[in-house]
Amino acid sequence: MVTHNPTALDWLRKAKFKIQGKWIPDPNTGLPQLKWKRESDPDNQRQAVYAFVTEYRILYVGKAAAKKGGLKGLAQRMRTYEKGSHKEGRHEQNMRSRITQKLKQSPISVWAHMPDEDDATVPYGDLPFGINIVAGLETTMINRFDPPWNAGSNKEEL
């Protein structure tokens, strides 16, 4: 009897992730740019947990979470990797470099789960507030898959 060994993509689909786009090299600069599946989708402005995936492997898991004063949103988070900003830190520079190098070998797709506002938190015990599902899902995925581009990973991947 043949059994199916679930891949990272199987897990992402079961967790209600959907492909949002893919990284491609800019033809003029070689730097990564995101080709959105539906760029103007208002969901791209919501909080999300996202994964960079190539060849059925999860390379990185991150979140675009709610911030005081408004949402950062998935689209804005991806722009920090794509274009940078005057506030850019080492993380964004390193991620852009990793994406650029990996694109020379294989494409990278962006998968994301963006919970509805009503589902963004889950109750826990007798707490008067809910637990943020985006933050919890990000941590769970990092622990489960040990993506090589996440800090503290035991894997090497470029």
Protein backbone atom coordinates (compact mmCIF):
# COMPACT_ATOMS: atom_id res chain seq x y z
CA MET A 1 0.00 0.00 0.00
CA VAL A 2 1.38 3.40 -1.02
CA THR A 3 0.98 6.18 1.54
CA HIS A 4 1.11 9.86 0.79
CA ASN A 5 3.79 11.81 2.64
CA PRO A 6 2.30 15.30 3.02
CA THR A 7 4.41 18.15 1.73
CA ALA A 8 4.63 21.65 3.12
CA LEU A 9 2.18 22.73 0.41
CA ASP A 10 -0.35 20.15 1.61
CA TRP A 11 -0.06 21.59 5.10
CA LEU A 12 -0.43 25.17 3.82
CA ARG A 13 -3.60 24.26 1.92
CA LYS A 14 -5.09 22.54 4.99
CA ALA A 15 -4.33 25.67 7.03
CA LYS A 16 -6.31 27.77 4.50
CA PHE A 17 -3.27 29.44 2.95
CA LYS A 18 -3.64 30.69 -0.61
CA ILE A 19 -1.03 31.67 -3.11
CA GLN A 20 -0.86 35.47 -3.29
CA GLY A 21 1.90 35.91 -5.84
CA LYS A 22 5.46 35.08 -6.73
CA TRP A 23 8.80 36.79 -6.55
CA ILE A 24 10.40 37.49 -9.91
CA PRO A 25 13.64 39.32 -10.72
CA ASP A 26 13.22 42.87 -12.00
CA PRO A 27 14.52 42.76 -15.59
CA ASN A 28 16.47 46.02 -15.15
CA THR A 29 17.95 45.69 -11.67
CA GLY A 30 17.76 41.97 -10.89
CA LEU A 31 16.21 42.86 -7.53
CA PRO A 32 13.12 40.96 -6.46
CA GLN A 33 9.68 42.27 -7.29
CA LEU A 34 6.41 40.66 -6.31
CA LYS A 35 4.01 39.72 -9.06
CA TRP A 36 0.66 39.62 -7.26
CA LYS A 37 -2.04 37.19 -8.24
CA ARG A 38 -4.57 39.98 -7.63
CA GLU A 39 -2.61 43.13 -6.75
CA SER A 40 -5.62 45.31 -5.99
CA ASP A 41 -7.22 42.72 -3.70
CA PRO A 42 -8.24 44.53 -0.47
CA ASP A 43 -7.25 41.39 1.46
CA ASN A 44 -3.62 42.31 0.77
CA GLN A 45 -4.07 45.16 3.27
CA ARG A 46 -5.04 42.81 6.12
CA GLN A 47 -2.86 41.14 8.71
CA ALA A 48 -1.49 37.80 7.58
CA VAL A 49 0.91 34.99 8.22
CA TYR A 50 2.88 34.27 5.06
CA ALA A 51 5.36 31.75 3.71
CA PHE A 52 7.96 31.93 0.97
CA VAL A 53 7.88 28.58 -0.82
CA THR A 54 10.08 27.01 -3.48
CA GLU A 55 10.21 23.46 -4.80
CA TYR A 56 7.61 22.34 -2.23
CA ARG A 57 9.73 23.65 0.65
CA ILE A 58 8.99 26.49 3.03
CA LEU A 59 11.97 28.86 3.08
CA TYR A 60 10.60 31.51 5.41
CA VAL A 61 7.57 32.21 7.58
CA GLY A 62 6.64 35.70 8.70
CA LYS A 63 3.72 37.83 9.71
CA ALA A 64 2.25 41.15 8.75
CA ALA A 65 0.36 41.83 11.93
CA ALA A 66 -1.84 44.57 13.29
CA LYS A 67 0.04 47.54 14.66
CA LYS A 68 -1.17 50.28 16.93
CA GLY A 69 -2.54 53.00 14.72
CA GLY A 70 -3.59 50.62 11.95
CA LEU A 71 -2.67 47.54 9.99
CA LYS A 72 0.62 47.13 8.23
CA GLY A 73 -0.87 44.51 5.98
CA LEU A 74 0.62 41.91 3.70
CA ALA A 75 1.12 44.29 0.77
CA GLN A 76 3.07 46.79 2.87
CA ARG A 77 5.21 44.03 4.38
CA MET A 78 6.11 42.68 0.96
CA ARG A 79 7.03 46.20 -0.21
CA THR A 80 9.66 46.40 2.56
CA TYR A 81 11.38 43.35 1.02
CA GLU A 82 10.91 44.63 -2.50
CA LYS A 83 11.79 48.31 -2.34
CA GLY A 84 13.24 48.99 1.08
CA SER A 85 12.72 52.24 2.95
CA HIS A 86 14.62 54.78 4.98
CA LYS A 87 13.61 52.79 8.09
CA GLU A 88 14.90 49.54 6.63
CA GLY A 89 16.75 47.27 8.98
CA ARG A 90 19.18 44.43 8.56
CA HIS A 91 16.34 41.88 8.34
CA GLU A 92 14.84 43.49 5.22
CA GLN A 93 18.26 43.86 3.58
CA ASN A 94 19.15 40.22 4.31
CA MET A 95 15.78 38.96 3.09
CA ARG A 96 16.02 40.92 -0.18
CA SER A 97 19.51 39.48 -0.71
CA ARG A 98 18.32 35.92 -0.03
CA ILE A 99 15.35 36.30 -2.38
CA THR A 100 17.60 37.74 -5.10
CA GLN A 101 20.08 34.86 -4.80
CA LYS A 102 17.39 32.14 -4.68
CA LEU A 103 15.62 33.55 -7.75
CA LYS A 104 18.76 32.75 -9.74
CA GLN A 105 18.03 29.06 -8.99
CA SER A 106 14.25 28.71 -8.75
CA PRO A 107 11.02 30.70 -8.42
CA ILE A 108 9.63 31.66 -5.01
CA SER A 109 5.90 31.82 -4.38
CA VAL A 110 4.21 33.75 -1.58
CA TRP A 111 1.46 31.92 0.29
CA ALA A 112 -0.61 33.65 2.97
CA HIS A 113 -3.44 33.11 5.41
CA MET A 114 -5.41 36.26 6.21
CA PRO A 115 -8.02 35.54 8.85
CA ASP A 116 -11.30 37.40 8.77
CA GLU A 117 -11.46 40.09 11.41
CA ASP A 118 -13.90 37.96 13.41
CA ASP A 119 -11.46 35.02 13.32
CA ALA A 120 -8.27 37.01 14.01
CA THR A 121 -8.27 36.14 17.71
CA VAL A 122 -9.29 33.02 19.61
CA PRO A 123 -10.42 32.87 23.23
CA TYR A 124 -8.06 31.39 25.77
CA GLY A 125 -9.06 30.37 29.27
CA ASP A 126 -10.68 33.17 31.24
CA LEU A 127 -8.65 35.93 29.63
CA PRO A 128 -10.66 39.06 28.78
CA PHE A 129 -8.94 39.19 25.37
CA GLY A 130 -8.21 36.72 22.59
CA ILE A 131 -4.95 35.27 21.35
CA ASN A 132 -3.82 36.54 17.94
CA ILE A 133 -4.09 33.65 15.50
CA VAL A 134 -1.54 35.18 13.08
CA ALA A 135 1.19 35.30 15.73
CA GLY A 136 0.31 31.81 16.98
CA LEU A 137 0.27 30.31 13.51
CA GLU A 138 3.61 31.93 12.63
CA THR A 139 5.28 30.45 15.72
CA THR A 140 3.71 27.03 15.13
CA MET A 141 4.86 26.92 11.51
CA ILE A 142 8.41 27.98 12.38
CA ASN A 143 8.59 25.27 15.06
CA ARG A 144 7.07 22.62 12.78
CA PHE A 145 8.99 23.30 9.54
CA ASP A 146 12.21 24.98 10.78
CA PRO A 147 12.42 27.19 7.66
CA PRO A 148 16.05 27.87 6.75
CA TRP A 149 15.62 31.65 6.41
CA ASN A 150 14.07 32.10 9.85
CA ALA A 151 16.38 33.11 12.69
CA GLY A 152 17.48 30.19 14.82
CA SER A 153 16.96 27.64 12.07
CA ASN A 154 19.20 24.59 12.08
CA LYS A 155 19.09 24.41 8.28
CA GLU A 156 21.37 26.01 5.73
CA GLU A 157 19.78 27.20 2.50
CA LEU A 158 20.55 29.97 0.08
